[in-house]
Amino acid sequence: MKQLTVLVDDKVGLLANLSYLLGRSKINIESISVASVGGKAVINLSVKDTKRTMEVLEANGYRCLQSDSMVVRLANRPGELAKMTRLLADSKINIEQASVVSQDEATSIYALRVDKPAKAEKVLGAYLRLDGEAEGEGAA
């Protein structure tokens, strides 16, 4: 999954403007997380067409970075996120960004950006399976 990160000075109406630009361009936001840190806004977006989204945003003065995210599936119950993140920590894999993509009563889907993606894929195993046929202790 491709993810876009928008870095910009934080100001009132920023998210309204950004979402208006994307909506006007018929670009649907599939997931979003927003944080304000030290006067800067950090907006993480998942969209289907990252190239077109970057073109629209950059044409309107936004600085965008593109990165790969992995999608993991967890049972939606207390302690499951802790189990999965402990596997990464014990393998010396740093989580750079995490966001919930979707959630229902049984399952939580997260997008993760990590510093060692190939190693993380091996460590997480069944958490990466999204087809409902997950295996292993951590997957539902």
Protein backbone atom coordinates (compact mmCIF):
# COMPACT_ATOMS: atom_id res chain seq x y z
CA MET A 1 0.00 0.00 0.00
CA LYS A 2 1.32 3.44 -0.91
CA GLN A 3 0.98 6.23 1.57
CA LEU A 4 1.42 9.98 1.16
CA THR A 5 2.66 12.25 3.90
CA VAL A 6 1.96 15.97 3.58
CA LEU A 7 4.19 18.30 5.61
CA VAL A 8 3.03 21.90 5.93
CA ASP A 9 2.71 24.76 8.41
CA ASP A 10 -0.32 24.10 10.59
CA LYS A 11 -3.15 26.59 10.26
CA VAL A 12 -6.90 26.81 10.64
CA GLY A 13 -8.69 25.40 7.59
CA LEU A 14 -5.75 23.34 6.35
CA LEU A 15 -7.61 20.02 6.32
CA ALA A 16 -10.70 21.70 4.82
CA ASN A 17 -8.58 23.06 1.96
CA LEU A 18 -6.70 19.82 1.34
CA SER A 19 -9.85 17.70 1.34
CA TYR A 20 -11.61 20.21 -0.92
CA LEU A 21 -8.77 20.02 -3.47
CA LEU A 22 -8.90 16.22 -3.49
CA GLY A 23 -12.69 16.08 -3.64
CA ARG A 24 -12.79 18.57 -6.51
CA SER A 25 -10.28 16.32 -8.32
CA LYS A 26 -12.47 13.23 -7.67
CA ILE A 27 -9.79 11.67 -5.42
CA ASN A 28 -11.23 9.65 -2.54
CA ILE A 29 -9.33 9.54 0.75
CA GLU A 30 -9.27 5.90 1.89
CA SER A 31 -7.60 6.59 5.23
CA ILE A 32 -6.15 9.63 6.95
CA SER A 33 -4.32 10.57 10.11
CA VAL A 34 -3.46 14.12 11.10
CA ALA A 35 -1.11 15.47 13.75
CA SER A 36 0.17 18.91 14.66
CA VAL A 37 3.72 19.00 16.00
CA GLY A 38 5.64 22.20 16.73
CA GLY A 39 3.51 24.31 14.41
CA LYS A 40 3.75 21.79 11.55
CA ALA A 41 0.95 19.57 10.30
CA VAL A 42 1.75 15.97 9.40
CA ILE A 43 -1.03 14.45 7.31
CA ASN A 44 -0.84 10.80 6.27
CA LEU A 45 -3.15 9.78 3.43
CA SER A 46 -3.97 6.54 1.71
CA VAL A 47 -5.50 6.94 -1.74
CA LYS A 48 -5.79 4.72 -4.82
CA ASP A 49 -3.87 6.99 -7.20
CA THR A 50 -0.89 8.36 -5.29
CA LYS A 51 0.75 9.85 -8.39
CA ARG A 52 -2.31 11.91 -9.32
CA THR A 53 -2.86 12.93 -5.70
CA MET A 54 0.73 14.15 -5.43
CA GLU A 55 0.31 16.13 -8.65
CA VAL A 56 -2.84 17.85 -7.37
CA LEU A 57 -1.39 18.65 -3.96
CA GLU A 58 2.02 19.79 -5.20
CA ALA A 59 0.37 22.02 -7.84
CA ASN A 60 -1.37 23.72 -4.92
CA GLY A 61 1.78 24.28 -2.86
CA TYR A 62 1.78 21.18 -0.64
CA ARG A 63 4.98 19.24 -0.02
CA CYS A 64 4.32 15.48 -0.33
CA LEU A 65 6.38 12.41 0.43
CA GLN A 66 5.46 8.93 -0.79
CA SER A 67 6.27 5.75 1.10
CA ASP A 68 5.27 2.11 1.26
CA SER A 69 3.10 0.87 4.09
CA MET A 70 2.28 -2.69 5.05
CA VAL A 71 -1.24 -3.63 5.98
CA VAL A 72 -1.77 -5.88 9.00
CA ARG A 73 -4.87 -7.58 10.34
CA LEU A 74 -5.41 -7.99 14.08
CA ALA A 75 -8.20 -9.40 16.17
CA ASN A 76 -10.08 -6.43 17.66
CA ARG A 77 -9.52 -7.23 21.33
CA PRO A 78 -7.32 -5.88 24.12
CA GLY A 79 -3.62 -6.74 23.87
CA GLU A 80 -3.47 -7.71 20.17
CA LEU A 81 -1.69 -4.51 19.11
CA ALA A 82 0.78 -5.02 21.97
CA LYS A 83 1.58 -8.57 20.78
CA MET A 84 2.22 -7.46 17.22
CA THR A 85 4.29 -4.42 18.13
CA ARG A 86 6.35 -6.47 20.62
CA LEU A 87 7.31 -8.83 17.76
CA LEU A 88 8.63 -5.84 15.83
CA ALA A 89 10.42 -4.32 18.82
CA ASP A 90 12.08 -7.63 19.74
CA SER A 91 13.36 -7.84 16.14
CA LYS A 92 14.75 -4.26 16.35
CA ILE A 93 12.24 -2.97 13.79
CA ASN A 94 11.12 0.61 14.35
CA ILE A 95 7.53 1.63 13.62
CA GLU A 96 7.73 5.03 11.92
CA GLN A 97 4.00 5.51 11.45
CA ALA A 98 0.84 3.56 12.27
CA SER A 99 -2.81 4.26 11.54
CA VAL A 100 -6.10 2.38 11.68
CA VAL A 101 -7.46 1.82 8.18
CA SER A 102 -10.68 0.11 9.25
CA GLN A 103 -12.20 -1.64 12.20
CA ASP A 104 -15.26 -3.71 13.04
CA GLU A 105 -16.26 -5.74 16.08
CA ALA A 106 -13.94 -8.63 15.18
CA THR A 107 -11.03 -7.15 13.24
CA SER A 108 -8.75 -4.11 13.11
CA ILE A 109 -6.77 -3.28 9.97
CA TYR A 110 -3.66 -1.13 10.42
CA ALA A 111 -1.27 0.50 7.94
CA LEU A 112 2.30 0.51 9.23
CA ARG A 113 5.44 2.17 7.93
CA VAL A 114 8.58 0.59 9.36
CA ASP A 115 12.32 1.11 8.95
CA LYS A 116 12.99 -2.49 7.82
CA PRO A 117 10.01 -3.59 5.69
CA ALA A 118 11.48 -6.85 4.36
CA LYS A 119 12.41 -8.00 7.86
CA ALA A 120 9.00 -6.90 9.20
CA GLU A 121 7.19 -8.98 6.57
CA LYS A 122 9.05 -12.08 7.74
CA VAL A 123 8.47 -11.33 11.43
CA LEU A 124 4.77 -10.54 11.12
CA GLY A 125 3.81 -13.56 9.01
CA ALA A 126 0.11 -14.27 9.43
CA TYR A 127 -0.67 -10.68 10.47
CA LEU A 128 -0.14 -9.69 6.84
CA ARG A 129 -2.84 -11.99 5.50
CA LEU A 130 -6.05 -10.11 4.82
CA ASP A 131 -8.07 -12.85 3.16
CA GLY A 132 -9.72 -14.21 6.28
CA GLU A 133 -7.55 -17.35 6.13
CA ALA A 134 -5.02 -16.05 8.64
CA GLU A 135 -2.91 -18.47 10.57
CA GLY A 136 -0.96 -18.18 13.78
CA GLU A 137 -1.37 -16.85 17.25
CA GLY A 138 -1.85 -13.14 16.49
CA ALA A 139 -4.25 -13.19 13.59
CA ALA A 140 -7.98 -13.62 13.83
